[in-house]
Structure formats: C-alpha cells, structure tokens
Amino acid sequence: MLGKPFDVYKDLYLRHLAGAGVAAIRTELAGIAAPLEPGRPLVLLCFDRLDREGVWCHRTLFAAWWHEVTGQEVPEFGATYVDGPEPPLSLF
C-alpha cells in the first residue's frame, strides 16, 4: 500500500482493519501488553512527523477507525502543528 495516494491507502488500510476485526486486533494488542505490569497503558507509535500541517500516518488512521468501531479513544500525544522553524529532533 505504500506509495499509493492517501485516499487509496486509506481505503485499503481501513478495509484491512475491518477484515481483521476488532476481536483479533484486541487479542493481538493484549498479547503485546501482557508483559507490562497490570494497568500500564499500551502506546502505539510510529516514526512519522505529525507536527506539520496535512501530515498523517497509519497510526492516526487506526486511532480514528478504532474509536469509530469501539468507542474507545486513542489519544495523540504531542502531535501538534508548529508554524515556524522545526525544533531539533529528540527522542526524550
């Protein structure tokens, strides 16, 4: 799906998520979270820079789809558009 226009990518990706289904995705996420101490939240990350206007990633599409089909919000942390010089990159 990479390299496709956004509308095509979005359609294919959302069909892929719907095909997998909520139950299978919950099971996979629970398996990933299992080694964490109880009550710690699972965080879905990607390396796309979302601090620029009009930028998107598959994680934001997943979050919107998940909220629509389950009602459970997947919040964004720190993804805000900054109009001006880009700050230096930092992981911490």
N, C-alpha and C. Protein backbone atom coordinates (compact mmCIF):
# COMPACT_ATOMS: atom_id res chain seq x y z
N MET A 1 0.81 -1.19 0.00
CA MET A 1 0.00 0.00 0.00
C MET A 1 0.86 1.26 0.00
N LEU A 2 2.12 1.12 0.38
CA LEU A 2 3.00 2.28 0.42
C LEU A 2 3.15 2.89 -0.97
N GLY A 3 3.24 4.20 -1.02
CA GLY A 3 3.40 4.88 -2.29
C GLY A 3 2.08 5.19 -2.98
N LYS A 4 0.98 4.71 -2.43
CA LYS A 4 -0.33 4.98 -3.01
C LYS A 4 -0.80 6.37 -2.56
N PRO A 5 -1.67 7.01 -3.35
CA PRO A 5 -2.26 8.27 -2.89
C PRO A 5 -3.03 8.04 -1.59
N PHE A 6 -3.14 9.08 -0.77
CA PHE A 6 -3.76 8.96 0.55
C PHE A 6 -5.13 8.30 0.48
N ASP A 7 -5.99 8.73 -0.41
CA ASP A 7 -7.36 8.18 -0.47
C ASP A 7 -7.35 6.68 -0.75
N VAL A 8 -6.47 6.24 -1.63
CA VAL A 8 -6.36 4.81 -1.96
C VAL A 8 -5.80 4.06 -0.75
N TYR A 9 -4.73 4.59 -0.16
CA TYR A 9 -4.13 3.95 1.01
C TYR A 9 -5.17 3.83 2.13
N LYS A 10 -5.87 4.93 2.41
CA LYS A 10 -6.86 4.93 3.49
C LYS A 10 -7.92 3.86 3.27
N ASP A 11 -8.44 3.78 2.06
CA ASP A 11 -9.47 2.79 1.75
C ASP A 11 -8.94 1.37 1.95
N LEU A 12 -7.76 1.09 1.42
CA LEU A 12 -7.17 -0.24 1.57
C LEU A 12 -6.88 -0.58 3.02
N TYR A 13 -6.32 0.38 3.76
CA TYR A 13 -5.97 0.14 5.16
C TYR A 13 -7.20 -0.09 6.02
N LEU A 14 -8.24 0.73 5.83
CA LEU A 14 -9.45 0.55 6.62
C LEU A 14 -10.15 -0.76 6.29
N ARG A 15 -10.10 -1.17 5.03
CA ARG A 15 -10.65 -2.50 4.68
C ARG A 15 -9.83 -3.61 5.34
N HIS A 16 -8.52 -3.43 5.41
CA HIS A 16 -7.65 -4.40 6.08
C HIS A 16 -8.01 -4.52 7.56
N LEU A 17 -8.19 -3.37 8.23
CA LEU A 17 -8.57 -3.39 9.65
C LEU A 17 -9.93 -4.06 9.85
N ALA A 18 -10.90 -3.70 9.03
CA ALA A 18 -12.23 -4.29 9.14
C ALA A 18 -12.18 -5.79 8.89
N GLY A 19 -11.35 -6.21 7.94
CA GLY A 19 -11.21 -7.63 7.66
C GLY A 19 -10.61 -8.40 8.81
N ALA A 20 -9.66 -7.78 9.50
CA ALA A 20 -9.05 -8.42 10.67
C ALA A 20 -10.06 -8.48 11.80
N GLY A 21 -10.79 -7.40 12.00
CA GLY A 21 -11.84 -7.35 13.02
C GLY A 21 -11.32 -6.93 14.39
N VAL A 22 -12.23 -6.36 15.15
CA VAL A 22 -11.91 -5.84 16.47
C VAL A 22 -11.41 -6.95 17.40
N ALA A 23 -12.06 -8.09 17.40
CA ALA A 23 -11.67 -9.17 18.33
C ALA A 23 -10.23 -9.61 18.09
N ALA A 24 -9.85 -9.81 16.85
CA ALA A 24 -8.48 -10.25 16.55
C ALA A 24 -7.46 -9.16 16.91
N ILE A 25 -7.81 -7.90 16.65
CA ILE A 25 -6.89 -6.81 16.98
C ILE A 25 -6.76 -6.68 18.49
N ARG A 26 -7.88 -6.79 19.23
CA ARG A 26 -7.81 -6.76 20.70
C ARG A 26 -6.91 -7.87 21.22
N THR A 27 -7.05 -9.06 20.66
CA THR A 27 -6.24 -10.20 21.09
C THR A 27 -4.77 -9.93 20.84
N GLU A 28 -4.44 -9.40 19.67
CA GLU A 28 -3.04 -9.10 19.36
C GLU A 28 -2.49 -8.02 20.28
N LEU A 29 -3.25 -6.96 20.52
CA LEU A 29 -2.79 -5.89 21.40
C LEU A 29 -2.65 -6.40 22.84
N ALA A 30 -3.56 -7.26 23.29
CA ALA A 30 -3.46 -7.84 24.63
C ALA A 30 -2.19 -8.68 24.77
N GLY A 31 -1.84 -9.40 23.72
CA GLY A 31 -0.60 -10.19 23.74
C GLY A 31 0.63 -9.32 23.84
N ILE A 32 0.60 -8.18 23.15
CA ILE A 32 1.73 -7.24 23.21
C ILE A 32 1.82 -6.62 24.61
N ALA A 33 0.67 -6.32 25.21
CA ALA A 33 0.63 -5.66 26.51
C ALA A 33 0.85 -6.63 27.67
N ALA A 34 0.71 -7.93 27.44
CA ALA A 34 0.78 -8.91 28.53
C ALA A 34 2.03 -8.81 29.40
N PRO A 35 3.21 -8.57 28.84
CA PRO A 35 4.40 -8.49 29.70
C PRO A 35 4.47 -7.22 30.56
N LEU A 36 3.63 -6.23 30.28
CA LEU A 36 3.64 -5.00 31.06
C LEU A 36 3.03 -5.22 32.43
N GLU A 37 3.42 -4.39 33.39
CA GLU A 37 2.78 -4.51 34.70
C GLU A 37 1.31 -4.14 34.56
N PRO A 38 0.43 -4.80 35.31
CA PRO A 38 -1.01 -4.56 35.18
C PRO A 38 -1.36 -3.08 35.32
N GLY A 39 -2.26 -2.63 34.45
CA GLY A 39 -2.72 -1.26 34.49
C GLY A 39 -1.89 -0.28 33.68
N ARG A 40 -0.73 -0.71 33.19
CA ARG A 40 0.09 0.20 32.37
C ARG A 40 -0.51 0.24 30.97
N PRO A 41 -0.63 1.42 30.41
CA PRO A 41 -1.24 1.53 29.08
C PRO A 41 -0.28 1.11 27.97
N LEU A 42 -0.85 0.61 26.91
CA LEU A 42 -0.10 0.28 25.72
C LEU A 42 -0.06 1.53 24.85
N VAL A 43 1.09 1.82 24.26
CA VAL A 43 1.26 3.00 23.42
C VAL A 43 1.61 2.56 22.01
N LEU A 44 0.85 3.05 21.04
CA LEU A 44 1.12 2.75 19.64
C LEU A 44 1.91 3.91 19.06
N LEU A 45 3.06 3.61 18.49
CA LEU A 45 3.93 4.66 17.98
C LEU A 45 4.24 4.46 16.51
N CYS A 46 4.64 5.53 15.87
CA CYS A 46 5.20 5.45 14.54
C CYS A 46 6.26 6.54 14.44
N PHE A 47 7.01 6.54 13.38
CA PHE A 47 8.09 7.50 13.22
C PHE A 47 7.73 8.68 12.33
N ASP A 48 6.48 8.77 11.89
CA ASP A 48 6.07 9.88 11.04
C ASP A 48 6.02 11.16 11.86
N ARG A 49 6.45 12.26 11.25
CA ARG A 49 6.41 13.58 11.90
C ARG A 49 5.01 14.16 11.72
N LEU A 50 4.26 14.26 12.79
CA LEU A 50 2.90 14.76 12.73
C LEU A 50 2.81 16.22 13.17
N ASP A 51 3.94 16.89 13.25
CA ASP A 51 3.93 18.28 13.68
C ASP A 51 3.89 19.25 12.50
N ARG A 52 3.55 18.72 11.33
CA ARG A 52 3.41 19.55 10.13
C ARG A 52 1.97 19.46 9.63
N GLU A 53 1.47 20.55 9.14
CA GLU A 53 0.09 20.60 8.66
C GLU A 53 -0.12 19.61 7.51
N GLY A 54 -1.22 18.87 7.57
CA GLY A 54 -1.58 17.96 6.50
C GLY A 54 -0.87 16.62 6.51
N VAL A 55 -0.09 16.34 7.55
CA VAL A 55 0.64 15.08 7.64
C VAL A 55 -0.23 14.06 8.36
N TRP A 56 -0.14 12.83 7.94
CA TRP A 56 -0.91 11.74 8.54
C TRP A 56 -0.03 10.50 8.63
N CYS A 57 -0.50 9.51 9.33
CA CYS A 57 0.20 8.23 9.38
C CYS A 57 -0.83 7.12 9.58
N HIS A 58 -0.39 5.90 9.42
CA HIS A 58 -1.32 4.78 9.58
C HIS A 58 -1.84 4.69 11.01
N ARG A 59 -1.06 5.13 11.99
CA ARG A 59 -1.49 5.07 13.39
C ARG A 59 -2.67 6.00 13.63
N THR A 60 -2.65 7.19 12.99
CA THR A 60 -3.78 8.09 13.18
C THR A 60 -5.04 7.53 12.49
N LEU A 61 -4.85 6.86 11.37
CA LEU A 61 -6.00 6.21 10.71
C LEU A 61 -6.54 5.08 11.59
N PHE A 62 -5.62 4.31 12.19
CA PHE A 62 -6.05 3.25 13.11
C PHE A 62 -6.83 3.84 14.27
N ALA A 63 -6.32 4.92 14.87
CA ALA A 63 -6.97 5.54 16.02
C ALA A 63 -8.38 5.99 15.69
N ALA A 64 -8.56 6.62 14.54
CA ALA A 64 -9.90 7.07 14.13
C ALA A 64 -10.82 5.89 13.89
N TRP A 65 -10.32 4.85 13.22
CA TRP A 65 -11.13 3.65 12.96
C TRP A 65 -11.51 2.97 14.27
N TRP A 66 -10.53 2.80 15.16
CA TRP A 66 -10.77 2.12 16.44
C TRP A 66 -11.84 2.87 17.25
N HIS A 67 -11.73 4.18 17.29
CA HIS A 67 -12.72 4.99 18.02
C HIS A 67 -14.10 4.83 17.40
N GLU A 68 -14.16 4.82 16.09
CA GLU A 68 -15.45 4.69 15.41
C GLU A 68 -16.11 3.35 15.68
N VAL A 69 -15.35 2.26 15.69
CA VAL A 69 -15.97 0.93 15.82
C VAL A 69 -16.08 0.45 17.27
N THR A 70 -15.27 1.00 18.18
CA THR A 70 -15.32 0.54 19.57
C THR A 70 -15.78 1.60 20.55
N GLY A 71 -15.67 2.88 20.16
CA GLY A 71 -15.98 3.96 21.08
C GLY A 71 -14.82 4.30 22.00
N GLN A 72 -13.73 3.53 21.91
CA GLN A 72 -12.56 3.75 22.76
C GLN A 72 -11.62 4.73 22.06
N GLU A 73 -11.31 5.84 22.74
CA GLU A 73 -10.44 6.85 22.16
C GLU A 73 -8.97 6.42 22.24
N VAL A 74 -8.24 6.72 21.18
CA VAL A 74 -6.79 6.51 21.13
C VAL A 74 -6.19 7.91 20.97
N PRO A 75 -5.80 8.54 22.09
CA PRO A 75 -5.36 9.94 22.01
C PRO A 75 -3.99 10.09 21.37
N GLU A 76 -3.77 11.28 20.81
CA GLU A 76 -2.47 11.67 20.28
C GLU A 76 -1.69 12.34 21.41
N PHE A 77 -0.41 12.08 21.48
CA PHE A 77 0.44 12.72 22.46
C PHE A 77 1.49 13.55 21.74
N GLY A 78 1.41 14.85 21.84
CA GLY A 78 2.44 15.73 21.31
C GLY A 78 2.39 15.97 19.83
N ALA A 79 1.35 15.58 19.14
CA ALA A 79 1.28 15.78 17.69
C ALA A 79 0.57 17.11 17.42
N THR A 80 1.33 18.18 17.42
CA THR A 80 0.75 19.48 17.15
C THR A 80 1.53 20.16 16.04
N TYR A 81 0.82 20.89 15.21
CA TYR A 81 1.44 21.61 14.11
C TYR A 81 2.14 22.85 14.65
N VAL A 82 3.38 23.06 14.23
CA VAL A 82 4.15 24.22 14.64
C VAL A 82 4.47 25.01 13.38
N ASP A 83 4.02 26.25 13.31
CA ASP A 83 4.27 27.09 12.15
C ASP A 83 5.55 27.89 12.39
N GLY A 84 6.63 27.41 11.85
CA GLY A 84 7.91 28.09 12.05
C GLY A 84 9.05 27.12 11.89
N PRO A 85 10.26 27.53 12.28
CA PRO A 85 11.41 26.64 12.16
C PRO A 85 11.19 25.36 12.96
N GLU A 86 11.65 24.26 12.41
CA GLU A 86 11.48 22.99 13.09
C GLU A 86 12.45 22.89 14.25
N PRO A 87 11.98 22.44 15.43
CA PRO A 87 12.90 22.24 16.55
C PRO A 87 13.79 21.03 16.27
N PRO A 88 14.92 20.94 16.96
CA PRO A 88 15.77 19.76 16.75
C PRO A 88 15.03 18.49 17.18
N LEU A 89 15.31 17.39 16.51
CA LEU A 89 14.68 16.11 16.85
C LEU A 89 15.25 15.58 18.16
N SER A 90 14.39 14.95 18.94
CA SER A 90 14.82 14.35 20.20
C SER A 90 13.90 13.19 20.51
N LEU A 91 14.47 12.14 21.02
CA LEU A 91 13.65 11.01 21.45
C LEU A 91 13.19 11.16 22.89
N PHE A 92 13.82 12.06 23.62
CA PHE A 92 13.50 12.22 25.05
C PHE A 92 13.22 13.65 25.41
